[in-house]
Each structure stands twice: as C-alpha cells, then as structure tokens.
Amino acid sequence: MRITRKMLQSRVDRLNVVLNRPSTAWTRLEKPGKDGHNIRSNEGHFLLDSNSPGDGWTRYALARVSYL
C-alpha cells in the first residue's frame, strides 16, 4: 500500500484535534497588530512539512509552530 500526502495530512489534522491544538498555522487579523503584521502564527499547531531535493522523491516531516 502506498502512503500518500493526503493520508499523512489527515493524520496530522486528527493529531491537532485530539491534542486540542489550533486547526490552522496562521490567523489573519482584521487590523494590523502592534508590530504592523496582518497575520499571526498559532503556536502549537502541527503541520506536514515537505522537502523535494530533486531526486524524484518527496520527504515529509511532522513540524510544530513555535515562537523563538
């Protein structure tokens, strides 16, 4: 059985629901914040990161949004 990006994405979406994490990585703000930005990152959101180095394969990794 081949594992597809859609299958991995559904697992990551379920992980965010089960762990009560934000459902999206970014939130668009009505008004710019005090720093002038129109979007805000949602700390704790899990996402599927991808990397295609050019050899015909795509690598996927589980990543989490965090503040520095």
PDB file of N, CA and C in Angstrom:
ATOM      1  N   MET A   1       0.838  -1.177   0.000  1.00  0.00           N
ATOM      2  CA  MET A   1       0.000   0.000   0.000  1.00  0.00           C
ATOM      3  C   MET A   1       0.887   1.246   0.000  1.00  0.00           C
ATOM      4  N   ARG A   2       0.590   2.173  -0.848  1.00  0.00           N
ATOM      5  CA  ARG A   2       1.344   3.418  -0.951  1.00  0.00           C
ATOM      6  C   ARG A   2       0.771   4.449   0.021  1.00  0.00           C
ATOM      7  N   ILE A   3       1.650   5.133   0.729  1.00  0.00           N
ATOM      8  CA  ILE A   3       1.234   6.193   1.652  1.00  0.00           C
ATOM      9  C   ILE A   3       1.274   7.509   0.889  1.00  0.00           C
ATOM     10  N   THR A   4       0.160   8.219   0.869  1.00  0.00           N
ATOM     11  CA  THR A   4       0.052   9.453   0.110  1.00  0.00           C
ATOM     12  C   THR A   4       0.094  10.668   1.035  1.00  0.00           C
ATOM     13  N   ARG A   5       0.322  11.824   0.423  1.00  0.00           N
ATOM     14  CA  ARG A   5       0.317  13.078   1.177  1.00  0.00           C
ATOM     15  C   ARG A   5      -1.056  13.307   1.831  1.00  0.00           C
ATOM     16  N   LYS A   6      -2.105  12.961   1.125  1.00  0.00           N
ATOM     17  CA  LYS A   6      -3.458  13.128   1.660  1.00  0.00           C
ATOM     18  C   LYS A   6      -3.655  12.295   2.931  1.00  0.00           C
ATOM     19  N   MET A   7      -3.126  11.087   2.943  1.00  0.00           N
ATOM     20  CA  MET A   7      -3.226  10.227   4.123  1.00  0.00           C
ATOM     21  C   MET A   7      -2.456  10.823   5.294  1.00  0.00           C
ATOM     22  N   LEU A   8      -1.243  11.298   5.026  1.00  0.00           N
ATOM     23  CA  LEU A   8      -0.437  11.914   6.088  1.00  0.00           C
ATOM     24  C   LEU A   8      -1.105  13.181   6.616  1.00  0.00           C
ATOM     25  N   GLN A   9      -1.655  14.001   5.713  1.00  0.00           N
ATOM     26  CA  GLN A   9      -2.305  15.241   6.127  1.00  0.00           C
ATOM     27  C   GLN A   9      -3.525  14.960   7.000  1.00  0.00           C
ATOM     28  N   SER A  10      -4.274  13.912   6.695  1.00  0.00           N
ATOM     29  CA  SER A  10      -5.433  13.579   7.530  1.00  0.00           C
ATOM     30  C   SER A  10      -4.997  13.147   8.926  1.00  0.00           C
ATOM     31  N   ARG A  11      -3.859  12.464   9.040  1.00  0.00           N
ATOM     32  CA  ARG A  11      -3.325  12.078  10.357  1.00  0.00           C
ATOM     33  C   ARG A  11      -2.888  13.299  11.152  1.00  0.00           C
ATOM     34  N   VAL A  12      -2.244  14.249  10.494  1.00  0.00           N
ATOM     35  CA  VAL A  12      -1.803  15.473  11.166  1.00  0.00           C
ATOM     36  C   VAL A  12      -3.017  16.292  11.614  1.00  0.00           C
ATOM     37  N   ASP A  13      -4.041  16.373  10.770  1.00  0.00           N
ATOM     38  CA  ASP A  13      -5.267  17.089  11.144  1.00  0.00           C
ATOM     39  C   ASP A  13      -5.913  16.451  12.373  1.00  0.00           C
ATOM     40  N   ARG A  14      -5.944  15.126  12.389  1.00  0.00           N
ATOM     41  CA  ARG A  14      -6.521  14.399  13.535  1.00  0.00           C
ATOM     42  C   ARG A  14      -5.695  14.629  14.800  1.00  0.00           C
ATOM     43  N   LEU A  15      -4.379  14.667  14.664  1.00  0.00           N
ATOM     44  CA  LEU A  15      -3.498  14.927  15.801  1.00  0.00           C
ATOM     45  C   LEU A  15      -3.791  16.292  16.414  1.00  0.00           C
ATOM     46  N   ASN A  16      -4.011  17.307  15.586  1.00  0.00           N
ATOM     47  CA  ASN A  16      -4.353  18.637  16.089  1.00  0.00           C
ATOM     48  C   ASN A  16      -5.681  18.629  16.841  1.00  0.00           C
ATOM     49  N   VAL A  17      -6.647  17.841  16.361  1.00  0.00           N
ATOM     50  CA  VAL A  17      -7.950  17.761  17.033  1.00  0.00           C
ATOM     51  C   VAL A  17      -7.822  17.049  18.374  1.00  0.00           C
ATOM     52  N   VAL A  18      -7.156  15.897  18.386  1.00  0.00           N
ATOM     53  CA  VAL A  18      -7.031  15.088  19.604  1.00  0.00           C
ATOM     54  C   VAL A  18      -6.264  15.832  20.693  1.00  0.00           C
ATOM     55  N   LEU A  19      -5.220  16.558  20.312  1.00  0.00           N
ATOM     56  CA  LEU A  19      -4.406  17.282  21.285  1.00  0.00           C
ATOM     57  C   LEU A  19      -4.918  18.700  21.553  1.00  0.00           C
ATOM     58  N   ASN A  20      -6.071  19.038  20.964  1.00  0.00           N
ATOM     59  CA  ASN A  20      -6.699  20.349  21.166  1.00  0.00           C
ATOM     60  C   ASN A  20      -5.744  21.487  20.777  1.00  0.00           C
ATOM     61  N   ARG A  21      -5.137  21.359  19.614  1.00  0.00           N
ATOM     62  CA  ARG A  21      -4.226  22.367  19.075  1.00  0.00           C
ATOM     63  C   ARG A  21      -4.973  23.218  18.057  1.00  0.00           C
ATOM     64  N   PRO A  22      -4.460  24.397  17.705  1.00  0.00           N
ATOM     65  CA  PRO A  22      -5.110  25.215  16.676  1.00  0.00           C
ATOM     66  C   PRO A  22      -5.196  24.440  15.357  1.00  0.00           C
ATOM     67  N   SER A  23      -6.294  24.656  14.612  1.00  0.00           N
ATOM     68  CA  SER A  23      -6.508  23.906  13.371  1.00  0.00           C
ATOM     69  C   SER A  23      -5.751  24.494  12.182  1.00  0.00           C
ATOM     70  N   THR A  24      -5.285  25.739  12.283  1.00  0.00           N
ATOM     71  CA  THR A  24      -4.512  26.354  11.204  1.00  0.00           C
ATOM     72  C   THR A  24      -3.210  26.918  11.762  1.00  0.00           C
ATOM     73  N   ALA A  25      -2.216  27.046  10.885  1.00  0.00           N
ATOM     74  CA  ALA A  25      -0.912  27.549  11.310  1.00  0.00           C
ATOM     75  C   ALA A  25      -0.904  29.065  11.476  1.00  0.00           C
ATOM     76  N   TRP A  26      -1.763  29.752  10.724  1.00  0.00           N
ATOM     77  CA  TRP A  26      -1.781  31.217  10.745  1.00  0.00           C
ATOM     78  C   TRP A  26      -3.201  31.729  10.891  1.00  0.00           C
ATOM     79  N   THR A  27      -3.358  32.888  11.523  1.00  0.00           N
ATOM     80  CA  THR A  27      -4.643  33.562  11.652  1.00  0.00           C
ATOM     81  C   THR A  27      -4.513  34.951  11.049  1.00  0.00           C
ATOM     82  N   ARG A  28      -5.413  35.279  10.123  1.00  0.00           N
ATOM     83  CA  ARG A  28      -5.422  36.607   9.517  1.00  0.00           C
ATOM     84  C   ARG A  28      -6.152  37.562  10.462  1.00  0.00           C
ATOM     85  N   LEU A  29      -5.529  38.690  10.756  1.00  0.00           N
ATOM     86  CA  LEU A  29      -6.089  39.668  11.685  1.00  0.00           C
ATOM     87  C   LEU A  29      -6.915  40.708  10.937  1.00  0.00           C
ATOM     88  N   GLU A  30      -7.984  41.177  11.577  1.00  0.00           N
ATOM     89  CA  GLU A  30      -8.822  42.230  10.999  1.00  0.00           C
ATOM     90  C   GLU A  30      -8.023  43.522  10.846  1.00  0.00           C
ATOM     91  N   LYS A  31      -7.310  43.869  11.901  1.00  0.00           N
ATOM     92  CA  LYS A  31      -6.483  45.077  11.893  1.00  0.00           C
ATOM     93  C   LYS A  31      -5.034  44.659  12.137  1.00  0.00           C
ATOM     94  N   PRO A  32      -4.090  45.372  11.550  1.00  0.00           N
ATOM     95  CA  PRO A  32      -2.684  45.032  11.826  1.00  0.00           C
ATOM     96  C   PRO A  32      -2.384  45.127  13.314  1.00  0.00           C
ATOM     97  N   GLY A  33      -1.558  44.207  13.810  1.00  0.00           N
ATOM     98  CA  GLY A  33      -1.175  44.214  15.221  1.00  0.00           C
ATOM     99  C   GLY A  33      -0.239  45.358  15.533  1.00  0.00           C
ATOM    100  N   LYS A  34       0.195  45.403  16.778  1.00  0.00           N
ATOM    101  CA  LYS A  34       1.079  46.489  17.198  1.00  0.00           C
ATOM    102  C   LYS A  34       2.418  46.471  16.461  1.00  0.00           C
ATOM    103  N   ASP A  35       2.784  45.278  15.906  1.00  0.00           N
ATOM    104  CA  ASP A  35       4.023  45.198  15.136  1.00  0.00           C
ATOM    105  C   ASP A  35       3.794  45.462  13.649  1.00  0.00           C
ATOM    106  N   GLY A  36       2.539  45.728  13.251  1.00  0.00           N
ATOM    107  CA  GLY A  36       2.234  46.064  11.868  1.00  0.00           C
ATOM    108  C   GLY A  36       1.919  44.890  10.970  1.00  0.00           C
ATOM    109  N   HIS A  37       1.919  43.664  11.499  1.00  0.00           N
ATOM    110  CA  HIS A  37       1.653  42.486  10.680  1.00  0.00           C
ATOM    111  C   HIS A  37       0.158  42.186  10.602  1.00  0.00           C
ATOM    112  N   ASN A  38      -0.269  41.610   9.469  1.00  0.00           N
ATOM    113  CA  ASN A  38      -1.669  41.269   9.263  1.00  0.00           C
ATOM    114  C   ASN A  38      -1.987  39.826   9.608  1.00  0.00           C
ATOM    115  N   ILE A  39      -0.964  39.008   9.873  1.00  0.00           N
ATOM    116  CA  ILE A  39      -1.194  37.616  10.250  1.00  0.00           C
ATOM    117  C   ILE A  39      -0.432  37.294  11.530  1.00  0.00           C
ATOM    118  N   ARG A  40      -0.931  36.270  12.233  1.00  0.00           N
ATOM    119  CA  ARG A  40      -0.325  35.848  13.492  1.00  0.00           C
ATOM    120  C   ARG A  40      -0.178  34.329  13.449  1.00  0.00           C
ATOM    121  N   SER A  41       0.958  33.821  13.879  1.00  0.00           N
ATOM    122  CA  SER A  41       1.154  32.371  13.908  1.00  0.00           C
ATOM    123  C   SER A  41       0.454  31.782  15.127  1.00  0.00           C
ATOM    124  N   ASN A  42      -0.040  30.555  14.971  1.00  0.00           N
ATOM    125  CA  ASN A  42      -0.727  29.849  16.052  1.00  0.00           C
ATOM    126  C   ASN A  42       0.231  28.839  16.666  1.00  0.00           C
ATOM    127  N   GLU A  43       0.808  29.207  17.802  1.00  0.00           N
ATOM    128  CA  GLU A  43       1.788  28.354  18.454  1.00  0.00           C
ATOM    129  C   GLU A  43       1.163  27.021  18.853  1.00  0.00           C
ATOM    130  N   GLY A  44       1.880  25.946  18.577  1.00  0.00           N
ATOM    131  CA  GLY A  44       1.426  24.610  18.953  1.00  0.00           C
ATOM    132  C   GLY A  44       0.795  23.832  17.820  1.00  0.00           C
ATOM    133  N   HIS A  45       0.485  24.489  16.699  1.00  0.00           N
ATOM    134  CA  HIS A  45      -0.136  23.804  15.567  1.00  0.00           C
ATOM    135  C   HIS A  45       0.857  22.839  14.933  1.00  0.00           C
ATOM    136  N   PHE A  46       0.412  21.591  14.684  1.00  0.00           N
ATOM    137  CA  PHE A  46       1.225  20.617  13.976  1.00  0.00           C
ATOM    138  C   PHE A  46       0.936  20.734  12.487  1.00  0.00           C
ATOM    139  N   LEU A  47       1.989  20.632  11.669  1.00  0.00           N
ATOM    140  CA  LEU A  47       1.807  20.699  10.228  1.00  0.00           C
ATOM    141  C   LEU A  47       2.717  19.707   9.538  1.00  0.00           C
ATOM    142  N   LEU A  48       2.392  19.411   8.287  1.00  0.00           N
ATOM    143  CA  LEU A  48       3.165  18.482   7.494  1.00  0.00           C
ATOM    144  C   LEU A  48       4.130  19.291   6.642  1.00  0.00           C
ATOM    145  N   ASP A  49       5.415  19.140   6.912  1.00  0.00           N
ATOM    146  CA  ASP A  49       6.456  19.850   6.177  1.00  0.00           C
ATOM    147  C   ASP A  49       6.971  18.939   5.072  1.00  0.00           C
ATOM    148  N   SER A  50       7.265  19.511   3.900  1.00  0.00           N
ATOM    149  CA  SER A  50       7.756  18.689   2.791  1.00  0.00           C
ATOM    150  C   SER A  50       9.055  19.244   2.234  1.00  0.00           C
ATOM    151  N   ASN A  51       9.868  18.331   1.694  1.00  0.00           N
ATOM    152  CA  ASN A  51      11.152  18.687   1.106  1.00  0.00           C
ATOM    153  C   ASN A  51      11.354  17.824  -0.135  1.00  0.00           C
ATOM    154  N   SER A  52      11.597  18.472  -1.273  1.00  0.00           N
ATOM    155  CA  SER A  52      11.868  17.761  -2.523  1.00  0.00           C
ATOM    156  C   SER A  52      13.272  18.125  -2.990  1.00  0.00           C
ATOM    157  N   PRO A  53      14.274  17.285  -2.686  1.00  0.00           N
ATOM    158  CA  PRO A  53      15.662  17.621  -3.014  1.00  0.00           C
ATOM    159  C   PRO A  53      16.023  17.467  -4.487  1.00  0.00           C
ATOM    160  N   GLY A  54      15.124  17.005  -5.333  1.00  0.00           N
ATOM    161  CA  GLY A  54      15.405  16.907  -6.750  1.00  0.00           C
ATOM    162  C   GLY A  54      15.739  15.512  -7.236  1.00  0.00           C
ATOM    163  N   ASP A  55      15.635  14.515  -6.381  1.00  0.00           N
ATOM    164  CA  ASP A  55      15.951  13.150  -6.793  1.00  0.00           C
ATOM    165  C   ASP A  55      14.700  12.343  -7.159  1.00  0.00           C
ATOM    166  N   GLY A  56      13.557  13.032  -7.285  1.00  0.00           N
ATOM    167  CA  GLY A  56      12.325  12.352  -7.654  1.00  0.00           C
ATOM    168  C   GLY A  56      11.480  11.901  -6.478  1.00  0.00           C
ATOM    169  N   TRP A  57      11.972  12.090  -5.263  1.00  0.00           N
ATOM    170  CA  TRP A  57      11.244  11.696  -4.068  1.00  0.00           C
ATOM    171  C   TRP A  57      10.941  12.933  -3.228  1.00  0.00           C
ATOM    172  N   THR A  58       9.834  12.897  -2.527  1.00  0.00           N
ATOM    173  CA  THR A  58       9.492  13.973  -1.602  1.00  0.00           C
ATOM    174  C   THR A  58       9.527  13.419  -0.199  1.00  0.00           C
ATOM    175  N   ARG A  59      10.189  14.135   0.692  1.00  0.00           N
ATOM    176  CA  ARG A  59      10.275  13.723   2.092  1.00  0.00           C
ATOM    177  C   ARG A  59       9.334  14.577   2.921  1.00  0.00           C
ATOM    178  N   TYR A  60       8.630  13.944   3.841  1.00  0.00           N
ATOM    179  CA  TYR A  60       7.692  14.633   4.713  1.00  0.00           C
ATOM    180  C   TYR A  60       8.152  14.524   6.150  1.00  0.00           C
ATOM    181  N   ALA A  61       7.877  15.581   6.924  1.00  0.00           N
ATOM    182  CA  ALA A  61       8.233  15.588   8.338  1.00  0.00           C
ATOM    183  C   ALA A  61       7.120  16.268   9.126  1.00  0.00           C
ATOM    184  N   LEU A  62       6.915  15.826  10.338  1.00  0.00           N
ATOM    185  CA  LEU A  62       5.954  16.459  11.231  1.00  0.00           C
ATOM    186  C   LEU A  62       6.649  17.651  11.895  1.00  0.00           C
ATOM    187  N   ALA A  63       6.041  18.826  11.791  1.00  0.00           N
ATOM    188  CA  ALA A  63       6.617  20.038  12.358  1.00  0.00           C
ATOM    189  C   ALA A  63       5.588  20.703  13.268  1.00  0.00           C
ATOM    190  N   ARG A  64       6.069  21.533  14.185  1.00  0.00           N
ATOM    191  CA  ARG A  64       5.185  22.246  15.107  1.00  0.00           C
ATOM    192  C   ARG A  64       5.553  23.719  15.079  1.00  0.00           C
ATOM    193  N   VAL A  65       4.546  24.587  15.054  1.00  0.00           N
ATOM    194  CA  VAL A  65       4.768  26.021  15.069  1.00  0.00           C
ATOM    195  C   VAL A  65       5.148  26.434  16.481  1.00  0.00           C
ATOM    196  N   SER A  66       6.231  27.181  16.614  1.00  0.00           N
ATOM    197  CA  SER A  66       6.649  27.664  17.937  1.00  0.00           C
ATOM    198  C   SER A  66       7.267  29.049  17.804  1.00  0.00           C
ATOM    199  N   TYR A  67       7.264  29.779  18.889  1.00  0.00           N
ATOM    200  CA  TYR A  67       7.863  31.108  18.916  1.00  0.00           C
ATOM    201  C   TYR A  67       9.333  30.974  19.306  1.00  0.00           C
ATOM    202  N   LEU A  68      10.117  31.883  18.833  1.00  0.00           N
ATOM    203  CA  LEU A  68      11.542  31.903  19.208  1.00  0.00           C
ATOM    204  C   LEU A  68      11.753  32.693  20.452  1.00  0.00           C
TER     205      LEU A  68
END
